[in-house]
Amino acid sequence: MVTAVTNLGRSGVYDWLIQRASAVVMALYTIFIVAYILITPELDYAQWQALFGQLWMRVFTLMTLLSIVTHAWIGLWAVLTDYLTERLMGGKATVLRLLAQALLAVVAITYTLWGVEIIWGV
């Protein structure tokens, strides 16, 4: 049984909504970047820097980064709770799942902080 500690108190509907909203943000960002590259065939560093120097683009990029992290966290949580179970892994399943989630949390936090540093130049 998955406890409230491992799912951070979320419900299935809440997870579903976050997954869909984050997917929309990531899709919009991908469409925008591809369109920008196609529309600007002579794209150089100065134009790229000017694009990412604008506040709205930094916010859009940050929203996409946060969407990637939340989308991945929920997806990996679902996979871990489906496959690292006592039925499949024995008595050590809960410990293995918690260790895997802790490792994934460290990776997610590291990537988020690194992304914020890149986006905002902190």
PDB file of N, CA and C in Angstrom:
ATOM      1  N   MET A   1       0.843  -1.179   0.000  1.00  0.00           N
ATOM      2  CA  MET A   1       0.000   0.000   0.000  1.00  0.00           C
ATOM      3  C   MET A   1       0.890   1.244   0.000  1.00  0.00           C
ATOM      4  N   VAL A   2       0.582   2.166  -0.856  1.00  0.00           N
ATOM      5  CA  VAL A   2       1.325   3.415  -0.923  1.00  0.00           C
ATOM      6  C   VAL A   2       0.778   4.343   0.145  1.00  0.00           C
ATOM      7  N   THR A   3       1.677   4.905   0.922  1.00  0.00           N
ATOM      8  CA  THR A   3       1.242   5.762   2.023  1.00  0.00           C
ATOM      9  C   THR A   3       1.248   7.217   1.600  1.00  0.00           C
ATOM     10  N   ALA A   4       0.645   8.066   2.417  1.00  0.00           N
ATOM     11  CA  ALA A   4       0.584   9.495   2.139  1.00  0.00           C
ATOM     12  C   ALA A   4       1.970  10.130   2.136  1.00  0.00           C
ATOM     13  N   VAL A   5       2.919   9.497   2.804  1.00  0.00           N
ATOM     14  CA  VAL A   5       4.275  10.047   2.839  1.00  0.00           C
ATOM     15  C   VAL A   5       4.916   9.978   1.456  1.00  0.00           C
ATOM     16  N   THR A   6       4.720   8.885   0.753  1.00  0.00           N
ATOM     17  CA  THR A   6       5.386   8.712  -0.534  1.00  0.00           C
ATOM     18  C   THR A   6       4.682   9.422  -1.681  1.00  0.00           C
ATOM     19  N   ASN A   7       3.414   9.743  -1.542  1.00  0.00           N
ATOM     20  CA  ASN A   7       2.738  10.446  -2.632  1.00  0.00           C
ATOM     21  C   ASN A   7       2.554  11.934  -2.330  1.00  0.00           C
ATOM     22  N   LEU A   8       3.127  12.400  -1.234  1.00  0.00           N
ATOM     23  CA  LEU A   8       3.082  13.806  -0.827  1.00  0.00           C
ATOM     24  C   LEU A   8       1.657  14.332  -0.687  1.00  0.00           C
ATOM     25  N   GLY A   9       0.721  13.453  -0.367  1.00  0.00           N
ATOM     26  CA  GLY A   9      -0.651  13.868  -0.123  1.00  0.00           C
ATOM     27  C   GLY A   9      -1.461  14.176  -1.374  1.00  0.00           C
ATOM     28  N   ARG A  10      -0.924  13.853  -2.540  1.00  0.00           N
ATOM     29  CA  ARG A  10      -1.649  14.141  -3.785  1.00  0.00           C
ATOM     30  C   ARG A  10      -2.702  13.075  -4.037  1.00  0.00           C
ATOM     31  N   SER A  11      -3.683  13.440  -4.858  1.00  0.00           N
ATOM     32  CA  SER A  11      -4.676  12.462  -5.292  1.00  0.00           C
ATOM     33  C   SER A  11      -4.447  12.152  -6.765  1.00  0.00           C
ATOM     34  N   GLY A  12      -5.092  11.112  -7.252  1.00  0.00           N
ATOM     35  CA  GLY A  12      -4.956  10.738  -8.645  1.00  0.00           C
ATOM     36  C   GLY A  12      -5.453  11.814  -9.601  1.00  0.00           C
ATOM     37  N   VAL A  13      -6.541  12.473  -9.246  1.00  0.00           N
ATOM     38  CA  VAL A  13      -7.084  13.533 -10.101  1.00  0.00           C
ATOM     39  C   VAL A  13      -6.106  14.707 -10.165  1.00  0.00           C
ATOM     40  N   TYR A  14      -5.556  15.065  -9.034  1.00  0.00           N
ATOM     41  CA  TYR A  14      -4.585  16.158  -8.968  1.00  0.00           C
ATOM     42  C   TYR A  14      -3.360  15.839  -9.831  1.00  0.00           C
ATOM     43  N   ASP A  15      -2.861  14.627  -9.718  1.00  0.00           N
ATOM     44  CA  ASP A  15      -1.729  14.195 -10.544  1.00  0.00           C
ATOM     45  C   ASP A  15      -2.082  14.244 -12.024  1.00  0.00           C
ATOM     46  N   TRP A  16      -3.258  13.774 -12.367  1.00  0.00           N
ATOM     47  CA  TRP A  16      -3.705  13.768 -13.760  1.00  0.00           C
ATOM     48  C   TRP A  16      -3.753  15.192 -14.317  1.00  0.00           C
ATOM     49  N   LEU A  17      -4.305  16.110 -13.536  1.00  0.00           N
ATOM     50  CA  LEU A  17      -4.383  17.505 -13.984  1.00  0.00           C
ATOM     51  C   LEU A  17      -3.000  18.136 -14.158  1.00  0.00           C
ATOM     52  N   ILE A  18      -2.107  17.863 -13.228  1.00  0.00           N
ATOM     53  CA  ILE A  18      -0.743  18.392 -13.332  1.00  0.00           C
ATOM     54  C   ILE A  18      -0.048  17.810 -14.555  1.00  0.00           C
ATOM     55  N   GLN A  19      -0.208  16.509 -14.786  1.00  0.00           N
ATOM     56  CA  GLN A  19       0.403  15.879 -15.961  1.00  0.00           C
ATOM     57  C   GLN A  19      -0.097  16.537 -17.243  1.00  0.00           C
ATOM     58  N   ARG A  20      -1.400  16.781 -17.347  1.00  0.00           N
ATOM     59  CA  ARG A  20      -1.960  17.368 -18.566  1.00  0.00           C
ATOM     60  C   ARG A  20      -1.539  18.820 -18.729  1.00  0.00           C
ATOM     61  N   ALA A  21      -1.562  19.590 -17.662  1.00  0.00           N
ATOM     62  CA  ALA A  21      -1.158  21.003 -17.751  1.00  0.00           C
ATOM     63  C   ALA A  21       0.322  21.119 -18.098  1.00  0.00           C
ATOM     64  N   SER A  22       1.147  20.299 -17.490  1.00  0.00           N
ATOM     65  CA  SER A  22       2.579  20.354 -17.784  1.00  0.00           C
ATOM     66  C   SER A  22       2.853  19.907 -19.218  1.00  0.00           C
ATOM     67  N   ALA A  23       2.099  18.941 -19.708  1.00  0.00           N
ATOM     68  CA  ALA A  23       2.265  18.497 -21.097  1.00  0.00           C
ATOM     69  C   ALA A  23       1.899  19.614 -22.076  1.00  0.00           C
ATOM     70  N   VAL A  24       0.873  20.372 -21.757  1.00  0.00           N
ATOM     71  CA  VAL A  24       0.474  21.494 -22.619  1.00  0.00           C
ATOM     72  C   VAL A  24       1.576  22.557 -22.647  1.00  0.00           C
ATOM     73  N   VAL A  25       2.120  22.895 -21.493  1.00  0.00           N
ATOM     74  CA  VAL A  25       3.194  23.889 -21.431  1.00  0.00           C
ATOM     75  C   VAL A  25       4.401  23.417 -22.235  1.00  0.00           C
ATOM     76  N   MET A  26       4.787  22.152 -22.060  1.00  0.00           N
ATOM     77  CA  MET A  26       5.947  21.623 -22.796  1.00  0.00           C
ATOM     78  C   MET A  26       5.682  21.600 -24.302  1.00  0.00           C
ATOM     79  N   ALA A  27       4.467  21.259 -24.702  1.00  0.00           N
ATOM     80  CA  ALA A  27       4.127  21.239 -26.130  1.00  0.00           C
ATOM     81  C   ALA A  27       4.172  22.651 -26.718  1.00  0.00           C
ATOM     82  N   LEU A  28       3.613  23.619 -26.009  1.00  0.00           N
ATOM     83  CA  LEU A  28       3.643  25.006 -26.490  1.00  0.00           C
ATOM     84  C   LEU A  28       5.075  25.519 -26.624  1.00  0.00           C
ATOM     85  N   TYR A  29       5.901  25.209 -25.655  1.00  0.00           N
ATOM     86  CA  TYR A  29       7.304  25.644 -25.697  1.00  0.00           C
ATOM     87  C   TYR A  29       8.027  25.009 -26.881  1.00  0.00           C
ATOM     88  N   THR A  30       7.809  23.715 -27.087  1.00  0.00           N
ATOM     89  CA  THR A  30       8.443  23.024 -28.206  1.00  0.00           C
ATOM     90  C   THR A  30       7.995  23.612 -29.536  1.00  0.00           C
ATOM     91  N   ILE A  31       6.705  23.833 -29.683  1.00  0.00           N
ATOM     92  CA  ILE A  31       6.172  24.428 -30.922  1.00  0.00           C
ATOM     93  C   ILE A  31       6.777  25.805 -31.147  1.00  0.00           C
ATOM     94  N   PHE A  32       6.854  26.612 -30.089  1.00  0.00           N
ATOM     95  CA  PHE A  32       7.413  27.952 -30.226  1.00  0.00           C
ATOM     96  C   PHE A  32       8.880  27.910 -30.660  1.00  0.00           C
ATOM     97  N   ILE A  33       9.683  27.090 -30.001  1.00  0.00           N
ATOM     98  CA  ILE A  33      11.118  27.019 -30.327  1.00  0.00           C
ATOM     99  C   ILE A  33      11.324  26.522 -31.751  1.00  0.00           C
ATOM    100  N   VAL A  34      10.605  25.480 -32.147  1.00  0.00           N
ATOM    101  CA  VAL A  34      10.739  24.963 -33.516  1.00  0.00           C
ATOM    102  C   VAL A  34      10.311  26.026 -34.524  1.00  0.00           C
ATOM    103  N   ALA A  35       9.197  26.697 -34.273  1.00  0.00           N
ATOM    104  CA  ALA A  35       8.730  27.749 -35.179  1.00  0.00           C
ATOM    105  C   ALA A  35       9.744  28.889 -35.255  1.00  0.00           C
ATOM    106  N   TYR A  36      10.299  29.277 -34.126  1.00  0.00           N
ATOM    107  CA  TYR A  36      11.283  30.363 -34.112  1.00  0.00           C
ATOM    108  C   TYR A  36      12.519  29.993 -34.932  1.00  0.00           C
ATOM    109  N   ILE A  37      12.969  28.772 -34.803  1.00  0.00           N
ATOM    110  CA  ILE A  37      14.137  28.315 -35.565  1.00  0.00           C
ATOM    111  C   ILE A  37      13.825  28.274 -37.061  1.00  0.00           C
ATOM    112  N   LEU A  38      12.619  27.818 -37.408  1.00  0.00           N
ATOM    113  CA  LEU A  38      12.240  27.750 -38.816  1.00  0.00           C
ATOM    114  C   LEU A  38      12.026  29.132 -39.433  1.00  0.00           C
ATOM    115  N   ILE A  39      11.479  30.053 -38.652  1.00  0.00           N
ATOM    116  CA  ILE A  39      11.203  31.404 -39.150  1.00  0.00           C
ATOM    117  C   ILE A  39      12.485  32.225 -39.262  1.00  0.00           C
ATOM    118  N   THR A  40      13.473  31.896 -38.447  1.00  0.00           N
ATOM    119  CA  THR A  40      14.728  32.647 -38.425  1.00  0.00           C
ATOM    120  C   THR A  40      15.843  31.754 -38.974  1.00  0.00           C
ATOM    121  N   PRO A  41      15.958  31.645 -40.305  1.00  0.00           N
ATOM    122  CA  PRO A  41      16.952  30.730 -40.868  1.00  0.00           C
ATOM    123  C   PRO A  41      18.407  31.161 -40.616  1.00  0.00           C
ATOM    124  N   GLU A  42      18.645  32.437 -40.500  1.00  0.00           N
ATOM    125  CA  GLU A  42      20.004  32.946 -40.251  1.00  0.00           C
ATOM    126  C   GLU A  42      20.203  33.234 -38.762  1.00  0.00           C
ATOM    127  N   LEU A  43      19.709  32.342 -37.950  1.00  0.00           N
ATOM    128  CA  LEU A  43      19.781  32.519 -36.501  1.00  0.00           C
ATOM    129  C   LEU A  43      21.232  32.510 -36.039  1.00  0.00           C
ATOM    130  N   ASP A  44      21.597  33.535 -35.280  1.00  0.00           N
ATOM    131  CA  ASP A  44      22.947  33.593 -34.732  1.00  0.00           C
ATOM    132  C   ASP A  44      22.864  33.775 -33.213  1.00  0.00           C
ATOM    133  N   TYR A  45      24.012  33.799 -32.596  1.00  0.00           N
ATOM    134  CA  TYR A  45      24.081  33.876 -31.131  1.00  0.00           C
ATOM    135  C   TYR A  45      23.425  35.147 -30.599  1.00  0.00           C
ATOM    136  N   ALA A  46      23.623  36.256 -31.285  1.00  0.00           N
ATOM    137  CA  ALA A  46      23.066  37.534 -30.812  1.00  0.00           C
ATOM    138  C   ALA A  46      21.534  37.488 -30.794  1.00  0.00           C
ATOM    139  N   GLN A  47      20.931  36.912 -31.827  1.00  0.00           N
ATOM    140  CA  GLN A  47      19.467  36.808 -31.870  1.00  0.00           C
ATOM    141  C   GLN A  47      18.970  35.844 -30.783  1.00  0.00           C
ATOM    142  N   TRP A  48      19.668  34.739 -30.631  1.00  0.00           N
ATOM    143  CA  TRP A  48      19.296  33.763 -29.614  1.00  0.00           C
ATOM    144  C   TRP A  48      19.401  34.382 -28.222  1.00  0.00           C
ATOM    145  N   GLN A  49      20.469  35.130 -27.983  1.00  0.00           N
ATOM    146  CA  GLN A  49      20.664  35.802 -26.693  1.00  0.00           C
ATOM    147  C   GLN A  49      19.595  36.869 -26.470  1.00  0.00           C
ATOM    148  N   ALA A  50      19.228  37.598 -27.542  1.00  0.00           N
ATOM    149  CA  ALA A  50      18.184  38.615 -27.428  1.00  0.00           C
ATOM    150  C   ALA A  50      16.838  37.975 -27.084  1.00  0.00           C
ATOM    151  N   LEU A  51      16.555  36.836 -27.696  1.00  0.00           N
ATOM    152  CA  LEU A  51      15.301  36.135 -27.401  1.00  0.00           C
ATOM    153  C   LEU A  51      15.248  35.730 -25.930  1.00  0.00           C
ATOM    154  N   PHE A  52      16.303  35.092 -25.456  1.00  0.00           N
ATOM    155  CA  PHE A  52      16.302  34.612 -24.073  1.00  0.00           C
ATOM    156  C   PHE A  52      16.598  35.715 -23.060  1.00  0.00           C
ATOM    157  N   GLY A  53      16.938  36.894 -23.525  1.00  0.00           N
ATOM    158  CA  GLY A  53      17.134  38.027 -22.636  1.00  0.00           C
ATOM    159  C   GLY A  53      15.835  38.718 -22.262  1.00  0.00           C
ATOM    160  N   GLN A  54      14.761  38.385 -22.977  1.00  0.00           N
ATOM    161  CA  GLN A  54      13.468  39.004 -22.695  1.00  0.00           C
ATOM    162  C   GLN A  54      12.794  38.313 -21.508  1.00  0.00           C
ATOM    163  N   LEU A  55      12.152  39.104 -20.681  1.00  0.00           N
ATOM    164  CA  LEU A  55      11.528  38.585 -19.460  1.00  0.00           C
ATOM    165  C   LEU A  55      10.494  37.507 -19.760  1.00  0.00           C
ATOM    166  N   TRP A  56       9.636  37.739 -20.743  1.00  0.00           N
ATOM    167  CA  TRP A  56       8.577  36.768 -21.043  1.00  0.00           C
ATOM    168  C   TRP A  56       9.162  35.418 -21.456  1.00  0.00           C
ATOM    169  N   MET A  57      10.293  35.433 -22.164  1.00  0.00           N
ATOM    170  CA  MET A  57      10.910  34.182 -22.598  1.00  0.00           C
ATOM    171  C   MET A  57      11.544  33.457 -21.418  1.00  0.00           C
ATOM    172  N   ARG A  58      12.131  34.209 -20.519  1.00  0.00           N
ATOM    173  CA  ARG A  58      12.699  33.588 -19.318  1.00  0.00           C
ATOM    174  C   ARG A  58      11.609  32.953 -18.464  1.00  0.00           C
ATOM    175  N   VAL A  59      10.483  33.642 -18.324  1.00  0.00           N
ATOM    176  CA  VAL A  59       9.359  33.101 -17.548  1.00  0.00           C
ATOM    177  C   VAL A  59       8.798  31.858 -18.239  1.00  0.00           C
ATOM    178  N   PHE A  60       8.637  31.922 -19.564  1.00  0.00           N
ATOM    179  CA  PHE A  60       8.144  30.776 -20.343  1.00  0.00           C
ATOM    180  C   PHE A  60       9.098  29.589 -20.199  1.00  0.00           C
ATOM    181  N   THR A  61      10.392  29.843 -20.247  1.00  0.00           N
ATOM    182  CA  THR A  61      11.385  28.782 -20.093  1.00  0.00           C
ATOM    183  C   THR A  61      11.345  28.203 -18.680  1.00  0.00           C
ATOM    184  N   LEU A  62      11.210  29.060 -17.676  1.00  0.00           N
ATOM    185  CA  LEU A  62      11.104  28.584 -16.289  1.00  0.00           C
ATOM    186  C   LEU A  62       9.846  27.744 -16.098  1.00  0.00           C
ATOM    187  N   MET A  63       8.728  28.191 -16.666  1.00  0.00           N
ATOM    188  CA  MET A  63       7.491  27.408 -16.584  1.00  0.00           C
ATOM    189  C   MET A  63       7.684  26.027 -17.225  1.00  0.00           C
ATOM    190  N   THR A  64       8.411  25.994 -18.338  1.00  0.00           N
ATOM    191  CA  THR A  64       8.660  24.726 -19.012  1.00  0.00           C
ATOM    192  C   THR A  64       9.567  23.833 -18.176  1.00  0.00           C
ATOM    193  N   LEU A  65      10.596  24.409 -17.590  1.00  0.00           N
ATOM    194  CA  LEU A  65      11.488  23.638 -16.717  1.00  0.00           C
ATOM    195  C   LEU A  65      10.708  23.031 -15.556  1.00  0.00           C
ATOM    196  N   LEU A  66       9.890  23.831 -14.905  1.00  0.00           N
ATOM    197  CA  LEU A  66       9.087  23.332 -13.786  1.00  0.00           C
ATOM    198  C   LEU A  66       8.078  22.285 -14.253  1.00  0.00           C
ATOM    199  N   SER A  67       7.560  22.452 -15.443  1.00  0.00           N
ATOM    200  CA  SER A  67       6.645  21.462 -16.011  1.00  0.00           C
ATOM    201  C   SER A  67       7.353  20.139 -16.256  1.00  0.00           C
ATOM    202  N   ILE A  68       8.569  20.201 -16.779  1.00  0.00           N
ATOM    203  CA  ILE A  68       9.341  18.979 -17.018  1.00  0.00           C
ATOM    204  C   ILE A  68       9.598  18.250 -15.706  1.00  0.00           C
ATOM    205  N   VAL A  69      10.004  18.989 -14.693  1.00  0.00           N
ATOM    206  CA  VAL A  69      10.323  18.370 -13.398  1.00  0.00           C
ATOM    207  C   VAL A  69       9.074  17.761 -12.760  1.00  0.00           C
ATOM    208  N   THR A  70       7.959  18.485 -12.744  1.00  0.00           N
ATOM    209  CA  THR A  70       6.742  17.930 -12.128  1.00  0.00           C
ATOM    210  C   THR A  70       6.193  16.759 -12.937  1.00  0.00           C
ATOM    211  N   HIS A  71       6.233  16.864 -14.258  1.00  0.00           N
ATOM    212  CA  HIS A  71       5.762  15.786 -15.129  1.00  0.00           C
ATOM    213  C   HIS A  71       6.587  14.519 -14.884  1.00  0.00           C
ATOM    214  N   ALA A  72       7.894  14.682 -14.830  1.00  0.00           N
ATOM    215  CA  ALA A  72       8.778  13.540 -14.598  1.00  0.00           C
ATOM    216  C   ALA A  72       8.576  12.965 -13.197  1.00  0.00           C
ATOM    217  N   TRP A  73       8.445  13.826 -12.196  1.00  0.00           N
ATOM    218  CA  TRP A  73       8.276  13.346 -10.827  1.00  0.00           C
ATOM    219  C   TRP A  73       7.015  12.497 -10.700  1.00  0.00           C
ATOM    220  N   ILE A  74       5.909  12.988 -11.210  1.00  0.00           N
ATOM    221  CA  ILE A  74       4.650  12.252 -11.104  1.00  0.00           C
ATOM    222  C   ILE A  74       4.722  10.946 -11.902  1.00  0.00           C
ATOM    223  N   GLY A  75       5.271  11.018 -13.095  1.00  0.00           N
ATOM    224  CA  GLY A  75       5.390   9.819 -13.914  1.00  0.00           C
ATOM    225  C   GLY A  75       6.273   8.767 -13.281  1.00  0.00           C
ATOM    226  N   LEU A  76       7.420   9.189 -12.774  1.00  0.00           N
ATOM    227  CA  LEU A  76       8.327   8.224 -12.136  1.00  0.00           C
ATOM    228  C   LEU A  76       7.770   7.707 -10.821  1.00  0.00           C
ATOM    229  N   TRP A  77       7.054   8.557 -10.089  1.00  0.00           N
ATOM    230  CA  TRP A  77       6.406   8.094  -8.864  1.00  0.00           C
ATOM    231  C   TRP A  77       5.410   6.982  -9.196  1.00  0.00           C
ATOM    232  N   ALA A  78       4.639   7.193 -10.261  1.00  0.00           N
ATOM    233  CA  ALA A  78       3.650   6.184 -10.662  1.00  0.00           C
ATOM    234  C   ALA A  78       4.336   4.873 -11.050  1.00  0.00           C
ATOM    235  N   VAL A  79       5.414   4.969 -11.803  1.00  0.00           N
ATOM    236  CA  VAL A  79       6.138   3.758 -12.217  1.00  0.00           C
ATOM    237  C   VAL A  79       6.724   3.050 -10.995  1.00  0.00           C
ATOM    238  N   LEU A  80       7.348   3.805 -10.111  1.00  0.00           N
ATOM    239  CA  LEU A  80       7.953   3.187  -8.926  1.00  0.00           C
ATOM    240  C   LEU A  80       6.910   2.524  -8.039  1.00  0.00           C
ATOM    241  N   THR A  81       5.778   3.169  -7.840  1.00  0.00           N
ATOM    242  CA  THR A  81       4.757   2.570  -6.979  1.00  0.00           C
ATOM    243  C   THR A  81       4.057   1.404  -7.660  1.00  0.00           C
ATOM    244  N   ASP A  82       4.094   1.341  -8.974  1.00  0.00           N
ATOM    245  CA  ASP A  82       3.511   0.200  -9.681  1.00  0.00           C
ATOM    246  C   ASP A  82       4.432  -1.009  -9.699  1.00  0.00           C
ATOM    247  N   TYR A  83       5.745  -0.768  -9.797  1.00  0.00           N
ATOM    248  CA  TYR A  83       6.668  -1.882 -10.013  1.00  0.00           C
ATOM    249  C   TYR A  83       7.563  -2.221  -8.828  1.00  0.00           C
ATOM    250  N   LEU A  84       7.762  -1.320  -7.912  1.00  0.00           N
ATOM    251  CA  LEU A  84       8.528  -1.648  -6.707  1.00  0.00           C
ATOM    252  C   LEU A  84       7.553  -1.935  -5.576  1.00  0.00           C
ATOM    253  N   THR A  85       6.876  -3.058  -5.701  1.00  0.00           N
ATOM    254  CA  THR A  85       5.867  -3.463  -4.718  1.00  0.00           C
ATOM    255  C   THR A  85       6.351  -4.709  -3.985  1.00  0.00           C
ATOM    256  N   GLU A  86       5.737  -4.960  -2.852  1.00  0.00           N
ATOM    257  CA  GLU A  86       6.091  -6.158  -2.075  1.00  0.00           C
ATOM    258  C   GLU A  86       5.781  -7.425  -2.859  1.00  0.00           C
ATOM    259  N   ARG A  87       4.734  -7.404  -3.658  1.00  0.00           N
ATOM    260  CA  ARG A  87       4.373  -8.578  -4.449  1.00  0.00           C
ATOM    261  C   ARG A  87       5.459  -8.918  -5.463  1.00  0.00           C
ATOM    262  N   LEU A  88       6.081  -7.883  -6.049  1.00  0.00           N
ATOM    263  CA  LEU A  88       7.103  -8.107  -7.071  1.00  0.00           C
ATOM    264  C   LEU A  88       8.518  -8.177  -6.511  1.00  0.00           C
ATOM    265  N   MET A  89       8.788  -7.417  -5.449  1.00  0.00           N
ATOM    266  CA  MET A  89      10.158  -7.281  -4.961  1.00  0.00           C
ATOM    267  C   MET A  89      10.383  -7.876  -3.578  1.00  0.00           C
ATOM    268  N   GLY A  90       9.334  -8.274  -2.918  1.00  0.00           N
ATOM    269  CA  GLY A  90       9.488  -8.825  -1.578  1.00  0.00           C
ATOM    270  C   GLY A  90       9.438  -7.739  -0.509  1.00  0.00           C
ATOM    271  N   GLY A  91       9.904  -8.075   0.667  1.00  0.00           N
ATOM    272  CA  GLY A  91       9.827  -7.188   1.817  1.00  0.00           C
ATOM    273  C   GLY A  91      10.655  -5.920   1.719  1.00  0.00           C
ATOM    274  N   LYS A  92      11.627  -5.903   0.816  1.00  0.00           N
ATOM    275  CA  LYS A  92      12.496  -4.732   0.696  1.00  0.00           C
ATOM    276  C   LYS A  92      11.947  -3.694  -0.291  1.00  0.00           C
ATOM    277  N   ALA A  93      10.769  -3.927  -0.806  1.00  0.00           N
ATOM    278  CA  ALA A  93      10.220  -3.048  -1.843  1.00  0.00           C
ATOM    279  C   ALA A  93      10.046  -1.607  -1.358  1.00  0.00           C
ATOM    280  N   THR A  94       9.537  -1.445  -0.156  1.00  0.00           N
ATOM    281  CA  THR A  94       9.301  -0.085   0.344  1.00  0.00           C
ATOM    282  C   THR A  94      10.613   0.670   0.494  1.00  0.00           C
ATOM    283  N   VAL A  95      11.621   0.014   1.022  1.00  0.00           N
ATOM    284  CA  VAL A  95      12.935   0.650   1.181  1.00  0.00           C
ATOM    285  C   VAL A  95      13.525   0.994  -0.184  1.00  0.00           C
ATOM    286  N   LEU A  96      13.442   0.062  -1.134  1.00  0.00           N
ATOM    287  CA  LEU A  96      13.950   0.324  -2.482  1.00  0.00           C
ATOM    288  C   LEU A  96      13.216   1.490  -3.141  1.00  0.00           C
ATOM    289  N   ARG A  97      11.886   1.510  -2.981  1.00  0.00           N
ATOM    290  CA  ARG A  97      11.094   2.595  -3.571  1.00  0.00           C
ATOM    291  C   ARG A  97      11.457   3.945  -2.951  1.00  0.00           C
ATOM    292  N   LEU A  98      11.601   3.981  -1.647  1.00  0.00           N
ATOM    293  CA  LEU A  98      11.949   5.237  -0.981  1.00  0.00           C
ATOM    294  C   LEU A  98      13.348   5.708  -1.370  1.00  0.00           C
ATOM    295  N   LEU A  99      14.292   4.767  -1.502  1.00  0.00           N
ATOM    296  CA  LEU A  99      15.640   5.125  -1.946  1.00  0.00           C
ATOM    297  C   LEU A  99      15.620   5.661  -3.379  1.00  0.00           C
ATOM    298  N   ALA A 100      14.860   4.994  -4.241  1.00  0.00           N
ATOM    299  CA  ALA A 100      14.754   5.448  -5.629  1.00  0.00           C
ATOM    300  C   ALA A 100      14.105   6.833  -5.693  1.00  0.00           C
ATOM    301  N   GLN A 101      13.064   7.045  -4.890  1.00  0.00           N
ATOM    302  CA  GLN A 101      12.410   8.354  -4.868  1.00  0.00           C
ATOM    303  C   GLN A 101      13.339   9.433  -4.310  1.00  0.00           C
ATOM    304  N   ALA A 102      14.124   9.091  -3.317  1.00  0.00           N
ATOM    305  CA  ALA A 102      15.076  10.057  -2.766  1.00  0.00           C
ATOM    306  C   ALA A 102      16.119  10.432  -3.807  1.00  0.00           C
ATOM    307  N   LEU A 103      16.633   9.451  -4.526  1.00  0.00           N
ATOM    308  CA  LEU A 103      17.599   9.720  -5.589  1.00  0.00           C
ATOM    309  C   LEU A 103      16.981  10.589  -6.675  1.00  0.00           C
ATOM    310  N   LEU A 104      15.770  10.268  -7.085  1.00  0.00           N
ATOM    311  CA  LEU A 104      15.088  11.064  -8.104  1.00  0.00           C
ATOM    312  C   LEU A 104      14.797  12.480  -7.609  1.00  0.00           C
ATOM    313  N   ALA A 105      14.493  12.620  -6.333  1.00  0.00           N
ATOM    314  CA  ALA A 105      14.257  13.953  -5.770  1.00  0.00           C
ATOM    315  C   ALA A 105      15.532  14.786  -5.808  1.00  0.00           C
ATOM    316  N   VAL A 106      16.658  14.179  -5.479  1.00  0.00           N
ATOM    317  CA  VAL A 106      17.944  14.890  -5.533  1.00  0.00           C
ATOM    318  C   VAL A 106      18.245  15.321  -6.958  1.00  0.00           C
ATOM    319  N   VAL A 107      18.022  14.435  -7.915  1.00  0.00           N
ATOM    320  CA  VAL A 107      18.252  14.767  -9.330  1.00  0.00           C
ATOM    321  C   VAL A 107      17.322  15.892  -9.768  1.00  0.00           C
ATOM    322  N   ALA A 108      16.040  15.806  -9.412  1.00  0.00           N
ATOM    323  CA  ALA A 108      15.068  16.829  -9.810  1.00  0.00           C
ATOM    324  C   ALA A 108      15.420  18.192  -9.212  1.00  0.00           C
ATOM    325  N   ILE A 109      15.793  18.216  -7.949  1.00  0.00           N
ATOM    326  CA  ILE A 109      16.164  19.484  -7.305  1.00  0.00           C
ATOM    327  C   ILE A 109      17.428  20.049  -7.929  1.00  0.00           C
ATOM    328  N   THR A 110      18.395  19.185  -8.187  1.00  0.00           N
ATOM    329  CA  THR A 110      19.645  19.629  -8.819  1.00  0.00           C
ATOM    330  C   THR A 110      19.381  20.227 -10.187  1.00  0.00           C
ATOM    331  N   TYR A 111      18.611  19.537 -11.017  1.00  0.00           N
ATOM    332  CA  TYR A 111      18.307  20.047 -12.355  1.00  0.00           C
ATOM    333  C   TYR A 111      17.504  21.341 -12.291  1.00  0.00           C
ATOM    334  N   THR A 112      16.586  21.438 -11.347  1.00  0.00           N
ATOM    335  CA  THR A 112      15.784  22.660 -11.216  1.00  0.00           C
ATOM    336  C   THR A 112      16.663  23.842 -10.823  1.00  0.00           C
ATOM    337  N   LEU A 113      17.506  23.654  -9.817  1.00  0.00           N
ATOM    338  CA  LEU A 113      18.388  24.747  -9.392  1.00  0.00           C
ATOM    339  C   LEU A 113      19.368  25.130 -10.492  1.00  0.00           C
ATOM    340  N   TRP A 114      19.896  24.153 -11.177  1.00  0.00           N
ATOM    341  CA  TRP A 114      20.825  24.398 -12.273  1.00  0.00           C
ATOM    342  C   TRP A 114      20.122  25.152 -13.395  1.00  0.00           C
ATOM    343  N   GLY A 115      18.894  24.748 -13.711  1.00  0.00           N
ATOM    344  CA  GLY A 115      18.120  25.428 -14.748  1.00  0.00           C
ATOM    345  C   GLY A 115      17.809  26.866 -14.384  1.00  0.00           C
ATOM    346  N   VAL A 116      17.431  27.098 -13.133  1.00  0.00           N
ATOM    347  CA  VAL A 116      17.158  28.469 -12.676  1.00  0.00           C
ATOM    348  C   VAL A 116      18.421  29.309 -12.781  1.00  0.00           C
ATOM    349  N   GLU A 117      19.547  28.739 -12.429  1.00  0.00           N
ATOM    350  CA  GLU A 117      20.822  29.470 -12.541  1.00  0.00           C
ATOM    351  C   GLU A 117      21.110  29.822 -13.990  1.00  0.00           C
ATOM    352  N   ILE A 118      20.865  28.905 -14.903  1.00  0.00           N
ATOM    353  CA  ILE A 118      21.107  29.160 -16.325  1.00  0.00           C
ATOM    354  C   ILE A 118      20.134  30.221 -16.851  1.00  0.00           C
ATOM    355  N   ILE A 119      18.865  30.077 -16.529  1.00  0.00           N
ATOM    356  CA  ILE A 119      17.843  30.982 -17.059  1.00  0.00           C
ATOM    357  C   ILE A 119      18.027  32.397 -16.532  1.00  0.00           C
ATOM    358  N   TRP A 120      18.224  32.540 -15.239  1.00  0.00           N
ATOM    359  CA  TRP A 120      18.264  33.856 -14.612  1.00  0.00           C
ATOM    360  C   TRP A 120      19.685  34.361 -14.372  1.00  0.00           C
ATOM    361  N   GLY A 121      20.687  33.531 -14.594  1.00  0.00           N
ATOM    362  CA  GLY A 121      22.054  33.964 -14.407  1.00  0.00           C
ATOM    363  C   GLY A 121      22.392  34.282 -12.969  1.00  0.00           C
ATOM    364  N   VAL A 122      21.782  33.553 -12.043  1.00  0.00           N
ATOM    365  CA  VAL A 122      21.985  33.799 -10.611  1.00  0.00           C
ATOM    366  C   VAL A 122      23.332  33.283 -10.183  1.00  0.00           C
TER     367      VAL A 122
END
